[in-house]
Amino acid sequence: MSREHRENISVKTAIIIVSTTRTEKTDLSGNIIRESFEKSNIPIVSQKIVKDDISEIRTSVMEALDLANCIIVSGGTGLTHDDYTIEAVSPLFTKTMDGFGELFRQKSYAQVGNSVILSRAAAGITKGRAIFCIPGSPKAVQLAVDDIIVPEIIHILTHANQ
């Protein structure tokens, strides 16, 4: 293993968009995620849109765990009455990556100021796979994927599989 603790891991990504209003045609955030990963030669093995419902979100993540080792769940991470992504996904974590949410909020502060406290972005490990729960806004998605997830995913998966 290199000094940086990065192994040659084949990353496969599943994208889950949580929304009651977006369709394949209007899903800008899913396309941003796809383009960022593909630009880095990381294949997308699944992409779907699910309603903001605990059961639907959790079922989609469980299905994605059979296909991918990097799962991005975008949307449903806020504080409104119908934001359920964190409630659906966090019970699946065997380990949390607290630093992800902290770093995301730190970097987001430049874009949204104090409103960053409304974000419940989170990440964790399950079965040696990484799951990231990020907001659904295009700017937040771009920031999370380009500044944090893509640059660190191999490092994360290396540690998750030791």
N, C-alpha and C. Protein backbone atom coordinates (compact mmCIF):
# COMPACT_ATOMS: atom_id res chain seq x y z
N MET A 1 0.84 -1.17 0.00
CA MET A 1 0.00 0.00 0.00
C MET A 1 0.89 1.24 0.00
N SER A 2 0.46 2.27 -0.67
CA SER A 2 1.24 3.49 -0.77
C SER A 2 1.24 4.25 0.55
N ARG A 3 2.11 5.21 0.61
CA ARG A 3 2.22 6.05 1.79
C ARG A 3 0.91 6.77 2.08
N GLU A 4 0.13 7.02 1.06
CA GLU A 4 -1.13 7.73 1.21
C GLU A 4 -2.28 6.80 1.58
N HIS A 5 -2.02 5.52 1.72
CA HIS A 5 -3.05 4.53 2.06
C HIS A 5 -4.14 4.46 1.00
N ARG A 6 -3.74 4.38 -0.25
CA ARG A 6 -4.69 4.27 -1.35
C ARG A 6 -4.33 3.02 -2.16
N GLU A 7 -5.30 2.14 -2.29
CA GLU A 7 -5.11 0.94 -3.09
C GLU A 7 -5.75 1.16 -4.45
N ASN A 8 -5.44 0.27 -5.37
CA ASN A 8 -6.04 0.34 -6.70
C ASN A 8 -7.42 -0.33 -6.62
N ILE A 9 -8.41 0.47 -6.31
CA ILE A 9 -9.78 -0.03 -6.12
C ILE A 9 -10.63 0.41 -7.30
N SER A 10 -11.43 -0.51 -7.80
CA SER A 10 -12.37 -0.19 -8.88
C SER A 10 -13.63 0.38 -8.25
N VAL A 11 -13.88 1.66 -8.49
CA VAL A 11 -15.05 2.32 -7.93
C VAL A 11 -16.22 2.19 -8.89
N LYS A 12 -17.36 1.80 -8.34
CA LYS A 12 -18.61 1.74 -9.09
C LYS A 12 -19.63 2.55 -8.31
N THR A 13 -20.29 3.46 -8.99
CA THR A 13 -21.16 4.41 -8.31
C THR A 13 -22.63 4.21 -8.65
N ALA A 14 -23.46 4.32 -7.62
CA ALA A 14 -24.92 4.33 -7.79
C ALA A 14 -25.41 5.70 -7.33
N ILE A 15 -26.31 6.28 -8.11
CA ILE A 15 -26.88 7.58 -7.80
C ILE A 15 -28.35 7.40 -7.47
N ILE A 16 -28.75 7.93 -6.32
CA ILE A 16 -30.15 7.90 -5.92
C ILE A 16 -30.57 9.35 -5.66
N ILE A 17 -31.52 9.83 -6.43
CA ILE A 17 -32.05 11.17 -6.26
C ILE A 17 -33.36 11.05 -5.49
N VAL A 18 -33.44 11.75 -4.37
CA VAL A 18 -34.63 11.73 -3.54
C VAL A 18 -35.43 13.00 -3.84
N SER A 19 -36.61 12.82 -4.43
CA SER A 19 -37.44 13.96 -4.79
C SER A 19 -38.85 13.51 -5.11
N THR A 20 -39.80 14.34 -4.76
CA THR A 20 -41.19 14.07 -5.14
C THR A 20 -41.58 14.84 -6.38
N THR A 21 -40.68 15.71 -6.88
CA THR A 21 -41.02 16.55 -8.03
C THR A 21 -40.13 16.33 -9.25
N ARG A 22 -38.92 15.86 -9.08
CA ARG A 22 -38.01 15.74 -10.23
C ARG A 22 -38.32 14.51 -11.07
N THR A 23 -38.04 14.67 -12.35
CA THR A 23 -38.16 13.57 -13.30
C THR A 23 -36.80 13.40 -13.97
N GLU A 24 -36.65 12.39 -14.80
CA GLU A 24 -35.38 12.21 -15.52
C GLU A 24 -35.03 13.44 -16.33
N LYS A 25 -36.02 14.12 -16.88
CA LYS A 25 -35.77 15.32 -17.69
C LYS A 25 -35.39 16.53 -16.86
N THR A 26 -35.88 16.62 -15.63
CA THR A 26 -35.62 17.81 -14.81
C THR A 26 -34.57 17.58 -13.72
N ASP A 27 -33.95 16.40 -13.72
CA ASP A 27 -32.99 16.05 -12.67
C ASP A 27 -31.59 16.58 -12.99
N LEU A 28 -31.37 17.84 -12.73
CA LEU A 28 -30.08 18.46 -12.96
C LEU A 28 -29.00 17.88 -12.03
N SER A 29 -29.33 17.67 -10.76
CA SER A 29 -28.35 17.19 -9.79
C SER A 29 -27.81 15.80 -10.13
N GLY A 30 -28.69 14.91 -10.54
CA GLY A 30 -28.23 13.58 -10.94
C GLY A 30 -27.27 13.65 -12.11
N ASN A 31 -27.56 14.54 -13.05
CA ASN A 31 -26.67 14.69 -14.20
C ASN A 31 -25.32 15.29 -13.80
N ILE A 32 -25.33 16.21 -12.84
CA ILE A 32 -24.07 16.77 -12.35
C ILE A 32 -23.21 15.67 -11.72
N ILE A 33 -23.83 14.84 -10.90
CA ILE A 33 -23.10 13.73 -10.27
C ILE A 33 -22.53 12.81 -11.35
N ARG A 34 -23.38 12.40 -12.29
CA ARG A 34 -22.95 11.50 -13.36
C ARG A 34 -21.76 12.08 -14.12
N GLU A 35 -21.87 13.34 -14.55
CA GLU A 35 -20.80 13.97 -15.33
C GLU A 35 -19.50 14.06 -14.54
N SER A 36 -19.58 14.40 -13.26
CA SER A 36 -18.37 14.52 -12.44
C SER A 36 -17.66 13.17 -12.29
N PHE A 37 -18.42 12.12 -12.06
CA PHE A 37 -17.81 10.81 -11.91
C PHE A 37 -17.27 10.30 -13.23
N GLU A 38 -18.05 10.46 -14.30
CA GLU A 38 -17.58 9.99 -15.60
C GLU A 38 -16.35 10.74 -16.06
N LYS A 39 -16.26 12.04 -15.75
CA LYS A 39 -15.08 12.84 -16.10
C LYS A 39 -13.84 12.29 -15.40
N SER A 40 -14.04 11.66 -14.25
CA SER A 40 -12.94 11.06 -13.49
C SER A 40 -12.80 9.57 -13.80
N ASN A 41 -13.46 9.10 -14.86
CA ASN A 41 -13.41 7.69 -15.28
C ASN A 41 -13.92 6.73 -14.21
N ILE A 42 -14.92 7.18 -13.47
CA ILE A 42 -15.57 6.33 -12.48
C ILE A 42 -16.95 5.99 -13.02
N PRO A 43 -17.20 4.71 -13.29
CA PRO A 43 -18.48 4.34 -13.91
C PRO A 43 -19.68 4.48 -12.98
N ILE A 44 -20.80 4.82 -13.60
CA ILE A 44 -22.09 4.86 -12.92
C ILE A 44 -22.80 3.57 -13.29
N VAL A 45 -23.16 2.77 -12.28
CA VAL A 45 -23.81 1.49 -12.55
C VAL A 45 -25.33 1.54 -12.35
N SER A 46 -25.80 2.63 -11.73
CA SER A 46 -27.23 2.75 -11.48
C SER A 46 -27.55 4.21 -11.21
N GLN A 47 -28.72 4.66 -11.69
CA GLN A 47 -29.20 6.00 -11.40
C GLN A 47 -30.71 5.96 -11.37
N LYS A 48 -31.29 6.42 -10.25
CA LYS A 48 -32.75 6.39 -10.15
C LYS A 48 -33.25 7.54 -9.29
N ILE A 49 -34.52 7.83 -9.44
CA ILE A 49 -35.20 8.85 -8.65
C ILE A 49 -36.23 8.14 -7.78
N VAL A 50 -36.22 8.45 -6.48
CA VAL A 50 -37.19 7.86 -5.56
C VAL A 50 -37.90 8.96 -4.77
N LYS A 51 -39.09 8.65 -4.29
CA LYS A 51 -39.84 9.61 -3.48
C LYS A 51 -39.18 9.75 -2.11
N ASP A 52 -39.43 10.88 -1.48
CA ASP A 52 -38.89 11.14 -0.15
C ASP A 52 -39.71 10.36 0.88
N ASP A 53 -39.43 9.07 0.93
CA ASP A 53 -40.14 8.13 1.78
C ASP A 53 -39.10 7.19 2.39
N ILE A 54 -39.12 7.02 3.69
CA ILE A 54 -38.08 6.23 4.36
C ILE A 54 -37.93 4.85 3.75
N SER A 55 -39.02 4.16 3.55
CA SER A 55 -38.97 2.80 3.01
C SER A 55 -38.39 2.77 1.59
N GLU A 56 -38.85 3.69 0.73
CA GLU A 56 -38.34 3.73 -0.65
C GLU A 56 -36.86 4.06 -0.70
N ILE A 57 -36.45 5.03 0.10
CA ILE A 57 -35.04 5.42 0.12
C ILE A 57 -34.18 4.25 0.61
N ARG A 58 -34.57 3.66 1.73
CA ARG A 58 -33.77 2.56 2.31
C ARG A 58 -33.71 1.38 1.36
N THR A 59 -34.82 1.02 0.73
CA THR A 59 -34.83 -0.09 -0.23
C THR A 59 -33.89 0.20 -1.39
N SER A 60 -33.91 1.43 -1.89
CA SER A 60 -33.04 1.81 -3.01
C SER A 60 -31.56 1.73 -2.62
N VAL A 61 -31.25 2.17 -1.41
CA VAL A 61 -29.85 2.08 -0.95
C VAL A 61 -29.43 0.62 -0.80
N MET A 62 -30.29 -0.20 -0.24
CA MET A 62 -29.96 -1.63 -0.08
C MET A 62 -29.73 -2.29 -1.44
N GLU A 63 -30.55 -1.95 -2.42
CA GLU A 63 -30.35 -2.49 -3.78
C GLU A 63 -29.04 -1.98 -4.36
N ALA A 64 -28.72 -0.72 -4.14
CA ALA A 64 -27.49 -0.13 -4.67
C ALA A 64 -26.25 -0.78 -4.05
N LEU A 65 -26.34 -1.21 -2.80
CA LEU A 65 -25.20 -1.85 -2.14
C LEU A 65 -24.79 -3.15 -2.84
N ASP A 66 -25.72 -3.78 -3.55
CA ASP A 66 -25.40 -4.99 -4.31
C ASP A 66 -24.70 -4.68 -5.62
N LEU A 67 -24.78 -3.43 -6.08
CA LEU A 67 -24.23 -3.04 -7.38
C LEU A 67 -22.97 -2.18 -7.30
N ALA A 68 -22.87 -1.38 -6.24
CA ALA A 68 -21.86 -0.32 -6.20
C ALA A 68 -21.14 -0.29 -4.86
N ASN A 69 -19.95 0.34 -4.86
CA ASN A 69 -19.24 0.55 -3.61
C ASN A 69 -19.20 2.03 -3.22
N CYS A 70 -19.83 2.87 -4.03
CA CYS A 70 -19.98 4.29 -3.75
C CYS A 70 -21.42 4.66 -4.09
N ILE A 71 -22.19 4.98 -3.07
CA ILE A 71 -23.60 5.32 -3.28
C ILE A 71 -23.79 6.79 -2.90
N ILE A 72 -24.34 7.56 -3.84
CA ILE A 72 -24.63 8.97 -3.60
C ILE A 72 -26.14 9.11 -3.51
N VAL A 73 -26.62 9.59 -2.37
CA VAL A 73 -28.04 9.85 -2.18
C VAL A 73 -28.17 11.37 -2.10
N SER A 74 -28.84 11.95 -3.08
CA SER A 74 -28.95 13.41 -3.17
C SER A 74 -30.38 13.85 -2.97
N GLY A 75 -30.57 14.75 -2.00
CA GLY A 75 -31.90 15.28 -1.71
C GLY A 75 -32.44 14.72 -0.41
N GLY A 76 -33.39 15.43 0.17
CA GLY A 76 -34.04 14.96 1.39
C GLY A 76 -33.20 15.07 2.64
N THR A 77 -32.17 15.93 2.62
CA THR A 77 -31.28 16.04 3.78
C THR A 77 -31.54 17.28 4.62
N GLY A 78 -32.58 18.02 4.30
CA GLY A 78 -32.86 19.26 5.03
C GLY A 78 -33.71 19.02 6.27
N LEU A 79 -34.40 20.07 6.69
CA LEU A 79 -35.16 20.03 7.93
C LEU A 79 -36.67 20.06 7.74
N THR A 80 -37.14 20.07 6.49
CA THR A 80 -38.58 20.16 6.29
C THR A 80 -39.28 18.88 6.72
N HIS A 81 -40.58 18.95 6.83
CA HIS A 81 -41.37 17.82 7.31
C HIS A 81 -41.25 16.58 6.42
N ASP A 82 -40.85 16.76 5.17
CA ASP A 82 -40.77 15.61 4.25
C ASP A 82 -39.34 15.27 3.84
N ASP A 83 -38.35 15.67 4.62
CA ASP A 83 -36.95 15.30 4.36
C ASP A 83 -36.60 14.09 5.22
N TYR A 84 -36.45 12.92 4.56
CA TYR A 84 -36.26 11.67 5.30
C TYR A 84 -34.98 10.91 4.95
N THR A 85 -34.13 11.47 4.14
CA THR A 85 -32.94 10.72 3.71
C THR A 85 -32.08 10.27 4.89
N ILE A 86 -31.79 11.16 5.81
CA ILE A 86 -30.93 10.81 6.93
C ILE A 86 -31.58 9.73 7.80
N GLU A 87 -32.87 9.86 8.05
CA GLU A 87 -33.58 8.86 8.85
C GLU A 87 -33.58 7.50 8.16
N ALA A 88 -33.64 7.50 6.84
CA ALA A 88 -33.67 6.24 6.08
C ALA A 88 -32.30 5.59 6.00
N VAL A 89 -31.26 6.39 5.83
CA VAL A 89 -29.94 5.85 5.51
C VAL A 89 -29.03 5.67 6.73
N SER A 90 -29.04 6.59 7.66
CA SER A 90 -28.08 6.50 8.77
C SER A 90 -28.16 5.21 9.59
N PRO A 91 -29.33 4.58 9.76
CA PRO A 91 -29.34 3.31 10.48
C PRO A 91 -28.55 2.19 9.77
N LEU A 92 -28.27 2.39 8.48
CA LEU A 92 -27.52 1.38 7.72
C LEU A 92 -26.00 1.49 7.94
N PHE A 93 -25.55 2.63 8.47
CA PHE A 93 -24.11 2.84 8.65
C PHE A 93 -23.57 1.95 9.76
N THR A 94 -22.48 1.24 9.47
CA THR A 94 -21.76 0.55 10.53
C THR A 94 -20.71 1.47 11.13
N LYS A 95 -20.26 2.43 10.32
CA LYS A 95 -19.36 3.50 10.78
C LYS A 95 -19.79 4.78 10.11
N THR A 96 -19.72 5.88 10.85
CA THR A 96 -20.05 7.17 10.26
C THR A 96 -18.76 7.89 9.87
N MET A 97 -18.87 8.73 8.85
CA MET A 97 -17.76 9.59 8.44
C MET A 97 -18.15 11.02 8.84
N ASP A 98 -18.04 11.32 10.12
CA ASP A 98 -18.44 12.62 10.61
C ASP A 98 -17.72 13.75 9.89
N GLY A 99 -16.47 13.54 9.53
CA GLY A 99 -15.68 14.56 8.85
C GLY A 99 -16.28 14.98 7.52
N PHE A 100 -17.01 14.09 6.86
CA PHE A 100 -17.63 14.47 5.59
C PHE A 100 -18.63 15.60 5.78
N GLY A 101 -19.57 15.40 6.70
CA GLY A 101 -20.58 16.43 6.94
C GLY A 101 -19.96 17.73 7.43
N GLU A 102 -18.96 17.60 8.29
CA GLU A 102 -18.28 18.79 8.81
C GLU A 102 -17.59 19.55 7.68
N LEU A 103 -16.85 18.83 6.84
CA LEU A 103 -16.13 19.48 5.74
C LEU A 103 -17.10 20.07 4.72
N PHE A 104 -18.16 19.33 4.42
CA PHE A 104 -19.15 19.83 3.47
C PHE A 104 -19.74 21.15 3.97
N ARG A 105 -20.12 21.20 5.24
CA ARG A 105 -20.71 22.42 5.78
C ARG A 105 -19.69 23.56 5.82
N GLN A 106 -18.44 23.24 6.12
CA GLN A 106 -17.40 24.26 6.12
C GLN A 106 -17.25 24.87 4.73
N LYS A 107 -17.18 24.01 3.71
CA LYS A 107 -17.03 24.50 2.34
C LYS A 107 -18.30 25.20 1.85
N SER A 108 -19.46 24.75 2.29
CA SER A 108 -20.73 25.34 1.87
C SER A 108 -20.94 26.73 2.46
N TYR A 109 -20.31 27.01 3.57
CA TYR A 109 -20.49 28.30 4.23
C TYR A 109 -20.20 29.46 3.27
N ALA A 110 -19.20 29.29 2.41
CA ALA A 110 -18.86 30.35 1.45
C ALA A 110 -20.00 30.61 0.47
N GLN A 111 -20.82 29.61 0.19
CA GLN A 111 -21.92 29.75 -0.76
C GLN A 111 -23.20 30.24 -0.10
N VAL A 112 -23.51 29.73 1.10
CA VAL A 112 -24.82 29.98 1.68
C VAL A 112 -24.79 30.66 3.04
N GLY A 113 -23.62 30.93 3.57
CA GLY A 113 -23.52 31.59 4.87
C GLY A 113 -24.10 30.75 5.99
N ASN A 114 -24.72 31.43 6.94
CA ASN A 114 -25.24 30.74 8.12
C ASN A 114 -26.32 29.71 7.81
N SER A 115 -26.91 29.78 6.64
CA SER A 115 -27.93 28.79 6.25
C SER A 115 -27.37 27.38 6.21
N VAL A 116 -26.06 27.27 6.26
CA VAL A 116 -25.41 25.97 6.25
C VAL A 116 -25.87 25.10 7.43
N ILE A 117 -26.35 25.73 8.49
CA ILE A 117 -26.80 24.94 9.64
C ILE A 117 -28.04 24.11 9.34
N LEU A 118 -28.70 24.39 8.22
CA LEU A 118 -29.88 23.62 7.83
C LEU A 118 -29.52 22.29 7.16
N SER A 119 -28.24 22.13 6.80
CA SER A 119 -27.82 20.92 6.09
C SER A 119 -27.50 19.78 7.05
N ARG A 120 -28.05 18.62 6.72
CA ARG A 120 -27.74 17.42 7.49
C ARG A 120 -26.92 16.45 6.65
N ALA A 121 -26.10 16.97 5.74
CA ALA A 121 -25.26 16.11 4.91
C ALA A 121 -24.50 15.14 5.81
N ALA A 122 -24.43 13.88 5.38
CA ALA A 122 -23.80 12.85 6.20
C ALA A 122 -23.22 11.77 5.30
N ALA A 123 -22.35 10.96 5.87
CA ALA A 123 -21.79 9.83 5.13
C ALA A 123 -21.41 8.73 6.11
N GLY A 124 -21.33 7.53 5.58
CA GLY A 124 -20.94 6.40 6.41
C GLY A 124 -20.52 5.23 5.57
N ILE A 125 -20.11 4.18 6.27
CA ILE A 125 -19.64 2.94 5.65
C ILE A 125 -20.59 1.81 6.02
N THR A 126 -20.89 0.99 5.04
CA THR A 126 -21.69 -0.22 5.24
C THR A 126 -21.10 -1.31 4.35
N LYS A 127 -20.75 -2.45 4.92
CA LYS A 127 -20.23 -3.58 4.14
C LYS A 127 -19.05 -3.17 3.26
N GLY A 128 -18.20 -2.28 3.77
CA GLY A 128 -17.04 -1.83 3.00
C GLY A 128 -17.37 -0.88 1.86
N ARG A 129 -18.59 -0.39 1.85
CA ARG A 129 -19.03 0.53 0.80
C ARG A 129 -19.33 1.90 1.42
N ALA A 130 -19.11 2.94 0.65
CA ALA A 130 -19.34 4.30 1.14
C ALA A 130 -20.69 4.81 0.66
N ILE A 131 -21.42 5.42 1.58
CA ILE A 131 -22.71 6.03 1.26
C ILE A 131 -22.64 7.50 1.66
N PHE A 132 -22.98 8.38 0.71
CA PHE A 132 -22.96 9.82 0.95
C PHE A 132 -24.37 10.36 0.79
N CYS A 133 -24.84 11.09 1.79
CA CYS A 133 -26.14 11.74 1.74
C CYS A 133 -25.88 13.24 1.61
N ILE A 134 -26.23 13.79 0.46
CA ILE A 134 -25.93 15.19 0.18
C ILE A 134 -27.21 15.93 -0.20
N PRO A 135 -27.20 17.25 -0.04
CA PRO A 135 -28.38 18.02 -0.45
C PRO A 135 -28.65 17.85 -1.95
N GLY A 136 -29.83 18.29 -2.36
CA GLY A 136 -30.22 18.14 -3.76
C GLY A 136 -29.97 19.35 -4.64
N SER A 137 -29.59 20.47 -4.07
CA SER A 137 -29.39 21.65 -4.91
C SER A 137 -28.16 21.46 -5.79
N PRO A 138 -28.22 21.91 -7.04
CA PRO A 138 -27.10 21.71 -7.95
C PRO A 138 -25.77 22.25 -7.43
N LYS A 139 -25.75 23.42 -6.80
CA LYS A 139 -24.49 23.96 -6.27
C LYS A 139 -23.93 23.08 -5.16
N ALA A 140 -24.79 22.60 -4.28
CA ALA A 140 -24.35 21.73 -3.19
C ALA A 140 -23.83 20.41 -3.74
N VAL A 141 -24.51 19.88 -4.74
CA VAL A 141 -24.09 18.62 -5.37
C VAL A 141 -22.71 18.79 -6.01
N GLN A 142 -22.53 19.85 -6.77
CA GLN A 142 -21.26 20.10 -7.43
C GLN A 142 -20.13 20.19 -6.40
N LEU A 143 -20.37 20.91 -5.32
CA LEU A 143 -19.37 21.07 -4.27
C LEU A 143 -19.03 19.73 -3.63
N ALA A 144 -20.03 18.98 -3.23
CA ALA A 144 -19.80 17.70 -2.55
C ALA A 144 -19.05 16.72 -3.43
N VAL A 145 -19.47 16.62 -4.67
CA VAL A 145 -18.89 15.63 -5.58
C VAL A 145 -17.49 16.04 -6.04
N ASP A 146 -17.35 17.27 -6.52
CA ASP A 146 -16.07 17.70 -7.09
C ASP A 146 -14.99 18.00 -6.05
N ASP A 147 -15.39 18.57 -4.91
CA ASP A 147 -14.41 18.99 -3.92
C ASP A 147 -14.10 17.94 -2.87
N ILE A 148 -15.02 17.00 -2.65
CA ILE A 148 -14.80 16.05 -1.55
C ILE A 148 -14.85 14.59 -2.01
N ILE A 149 -15.97 14.17 -2.58
CA ILE A 149 -16.19 12.74 -2.82
C ILE A 149 -15.25 12.18 -3.88
N VAL A 150 -15.26 12.75 -5.08
CA VAL A 150 -14.41 12.19 -6.15
C VAL A 150 -12.93 12.20 -5.76
N PRO A 151 -12.40 13.30 -5.20
CA PRO A 151 -10.98 13.28 -4.85
C PRO A 151 -10.61 12.27 -3.75
N GLU A 152 -11.57 11.91 -2.89
CA GLU A 152 -11.25 11.05 -1.74
C GLU A 152 -11.82 9.65 -1.80
N ILE A 153 -12.63 9.31 -2.81
CA ILE A 153 -13.33 8.03 -2.77
C ILE A 153 -12.40 6.82 -2.71
N ILE A 154 -11.31 6.83 -3.42
CA ILE A 154 -10.40 5.67 -3.36
C ILE A 154 -9.76 5.57 -1.98
N HIS A 155 -9.39 6.70 -1.41
CA HIS A 155 -8.83 6.72 -0.06
C HIS A 155 -9.84 6.17 0.94
N ILE A 156 -11.09 6.62 0.83
CA ILE A 156 -12.15 6.16 1.72
C ILE A 156 -12.37 4.66 1.59
N LEU A 157 -12.49 4.18 0.35
CA LEU A 157 -12.75 2.75 0.13
C LEU A 157 -11.57 1.89 0.55
N THR A 158 -10.37 2.40 0.41
CA THR A 158 -9.18 1.66 0.89
C THR A 158 -9.30 1.39 2.39
N HIS A 159 -9.62 2.43 3.14
CA HIS A 159 -9.75 2.26 4.60
C HIS A 159 -10.97 1.43 4.97
N ALA A 160 -12.04 1.59 4.22
CA ALA A 160 -13.27 0.86 4.51
C ALA A 160 -13.12 -0.64 4.31
N ASN A 161 -12.13 -1.02 3.51
CA ASN A 161 -11.95 -2.44 3.17
C ASN A 161 -10.72 -3.06 3.82
N GLN A 162 -10.16 -2.42 4.82
CA GLN A 162 -9.01 -3.01 5.52
C GLN A 162 -9.46 -3.84 6.68
